[in-house]
Amino acid sequence: MSKTYVALDIETTGLSPERDAITEIGVVKFRQDRVLAEWSSLVNPFRSLSYKVQQLTGITQADVDGAPPLHSLVSSLQD
């Protein structure tokens, strides 16, 4: 039987784990060339997004202001 993998993509407000926060999470579970599951969500970082981050990611302040906080997404992500 072939192995199952999970690819995780995270967008953040910056590169510092001490200062920055996650703004989006995307996950794909796959085996060989078959996608088994997909999941994604915007995340409210409870801080302002810089213009540079908004331009780079395409995520706006309005997008994340209405998104759930990270702690409320953990169980959905684990599933």
C-alpha atoms as a PDB file:
ATOM      1  CA  MET A   1       0.000   0.000   0.000  1.00  0.00           C
ATOM      2  CA  SER A   2       1.327   3.475  -0.838  1.00  0.00           C
ATOM      3  CA  LYS A   3       1.901   6.095   1.816  1.00  0.00           C
ATOM      4  CA  THR A   4      -0.542   8.901   2.555  1.00  0.00           C
ATOM      5  CA  TYR A   5       0.864  12.438   2.764  1.00  0.00           C
ATOM      6  CA  VAL A   6      -0.419  15.788   3.955  1.00  0.00           C
ATOM      7  CA  ALA A   7       0.781  19.058   2.412  1.00  0.00           C
ATOM      8  CA  LEU A   8       0.325  22.145   4.578  1.00  0.00           C
ATOM      9  CA  ASP A   9       0.436  25.730   3.279  1.00  0.00           C
ATOM     10  CA  ILE A  10       0.429  28.630   5.731  1.00  0.00           C
ATOM     11  CA  GLU A  11       0.235  32.366   5.070  1.00  0.00           C
ATOM     12  CA  THR A  12       1.414  34.692   7.839  1.00  0.00           C
ATOM     13  CA  THR A  13       1.781  38.361   8.717  1.00  0.00           C
ATOM     14  CA  GLY A  14       5.570  37.922   8.594  1.00  0.00           C
ATOM     15  CA  LEU A  15       8.427  35.566   9.340  1.00  0.00           C
ATOM     16  CA  SER A  16       8.931  36.031  13.090  1.00  0.00           C
ATOM     17  CA  PRO A  17       7.246  33.394  15.288  1.00  0.00           C
ATOM     18  CA  GLU A  18       7.390  35.814  18.217  1.00  0.00           C
ATOM     19  CA  ARG A  19       5.807  38.806  16.438  1.00  0.00           C
ATOM     20  CA  ASP A  20       3.745  37.447  13.565  1.00  0.00           C
ATOM     21  CA  ALA A  21       0.599  35.352  13.199  1.00  0.00           C
ATOM     22  CA  ILE A  22      -1.081  32.961  10.771  1.00  0.00           C
ATOM     23  CA  THR A  23      -3.616  34.453   8.346  1.00  0.00           C
ATOM     24  CA  GLU A  24      -4.522  31.400   6.242  1.00  0.00           C
ATOM     25  CA  ILE A  25      -4.099  27.620   6.388  1.00  0.00           C
ATOM     26  CA  GLY A  26      -4.523  25.212   3.504  1.00  0.00           C
ATOM     27  CA  VAL A  27      -4.169  21.418   3.674  1.00  0.00           C
ATOM     28  CA  VAL A  28      -4.283  18.676   1.053  1.00  0.00           C
ATOM     29  CA  LYS A  29      -4.222  14.982   2.013  1.00  0.00           C
ATOM     30  CA  PHE A  30      -3.097  12.769  -0.864  1.00  0.00           C
ATOM     31  CA  ARG A  31      -1.822   9.366  -1.900  1.00  0.00           C
ATOM     32  CA  GLN A  32       0.263   9.106  -5.067  1.00  0.00           C
ATOM     33  CA  ASP A  33      -1.688  11.187  -7.600  1.00  0.00           C
ATOM     34  CA  ARG A  34      -5.056  11.054  -5.808  1.00  0.00           C
ATOM     35  CA  VAL A  35      -6.366  13.832  -3.564  1.00  0.00           C
ATOM     36  CA  LEU A  36      -8.117  12.306  -0.541  1.00  0.00           C
ATOM     37  CA  ALA A  37      -9.192  15.493   1.240  1.00  0.00           C
ATOM     38  CA  GLU A  38      -8.779  19.266   1.163  1.00  0.00           C
ATOM     39  CA  TRP A  39      -9.327  21.869   3.869  1.00  0.00           C
ATOM     40  CA  SER A  40      -8.620  25.593   4.121  1.00  0.00           C
ATOM     41  CA  SER A  41      -9.546  28.581   6.217  1.00  0.00           C
ATOM     42  CA  LEU A  42      -8.628  32.193   6.696  1.00  0.00           C
ATOM     43  CA  VAL A  43      -7.487  32.964  10.246  1.00  0.00           C
ATOM     44  CA  ASN A  44      -8.000  36.149  12.253  1.00  0.00           C
ATOM     45  CA  PRO A  45      -4.523  37.240  13.411  1.00  0.00           C
ATOM     46  CA  PHE A  46      -5.959  40.041  15.608  1.00  0.00           C
ATOM     47  CA  ARG A  47      -3.500  42.525  14.130  1.00  0.00           C
ATOM     48  CA  SER A  48      -3.186  44.740  11.092  1.00  0.00           C
ATOM     49  CA  LEU A  49      -1.891  43.317   7.843  1.00  0.00           C
ATOM     50  CA  SER A  50       0.811  45.345   6.187  1.00  0.00           C
ATOM     51  CA  TYR A  51       0.261  46.563   2.638  1.00  0.00           C
ATOM     52  CA  LYS A  52       3.158  44.336   1.549  1.00  0.00           C
ATOM     53  CA  VAL A  53       1.526  41.199   3.032  1.00  0.00           C
ATOM     54  CA  GLN A  54      -1.834  42.077   1.459  1.00  0.00           C
ATOM     55  CA  GLN A  55      -0.191  42.530  -1.952  1.00  0.00           C
ATOM     56  CA  LEU A  56       1.835  39.321  -1.625  1.00  0.00           C
ATOM     57  CA  THR A  57      -0.978  37.037  -0.419  1.00  0.00           C
ATOM     58  CA  GLY A  58      -4.085  38.685  -1.856  1.00  0.00           C
ATOM     59  CA  ILE A  59      -5.617  38.507   1.631  1.00  0.00           C
ATOM     60  CA  THR A  60      -7.195  41.755   2.803  1.00  0.00           C
ATOM     61  CA  GLN A  61      -7.741  43.123   6.278  1.00  0.00           C
ATOM     62  CA  ALA A  62     -11.500  42.703   5.798  1.00  0.00           C
ATOM     63  CA  ASP A  63     -10.945  39.019   4.926  1.00  0.00           C
ATOM     64  CA  VAL A  64      -9.158  38.225   8.183  1.00  0.00           C
ATOM     65  CA  ASP A  65     -11.207  40.520  10.414  1.00  0.00           C
ATOM     66  CA  GLY A  66     -14.227  38.299   9.744  1.00  0.00           C
ATOM     67  CA  ALA A  67     -12.293  35.015  10.016  1.00  0.00           C
ATOM     68  CA  PRO A  68     -12.242  32.683  13.028  1.00  0.00           C
ATOM     69  CA  PRO A  69      -9.315  32.711  15.490  1.00  0.00           C
ATOM     70  CA  LEU A  70      -6.695  29.966  15.161  1.00  0.00           C
ATOM     71  CA  HIS A  71      -7.676  28.177  18.381  1.00  0.00           C
ATOM     72  CA  SER A  72     -11.205  27.580  17.077  1.00  0.00           C
ATOM     73  CA  LEU A  73      -9.881  25.873  13.914  1.00  0.00           C
ATOM     74  CA  VAL A  74      -7.665  23.258  15.544  1.00  0.00           C
ATOM     75  CA  SER A  75     -10.238  20.447  15.690  1.00  0.00           C
ATOM     76  CA  SER A  76     -11.321  21.038  12.069  1.00  0.00           C
ATOM     77  CA  LEU A  77      -7.701  20.969  10.987  1.00  0.00           C
ATOM     78  CA  GLN A  78      -7.032  17.723  12.846  1.00  0.00           C
ATOM     79  CA  ASP A  79     -10.001  16.061  11.149  1.00  0.00           C
END
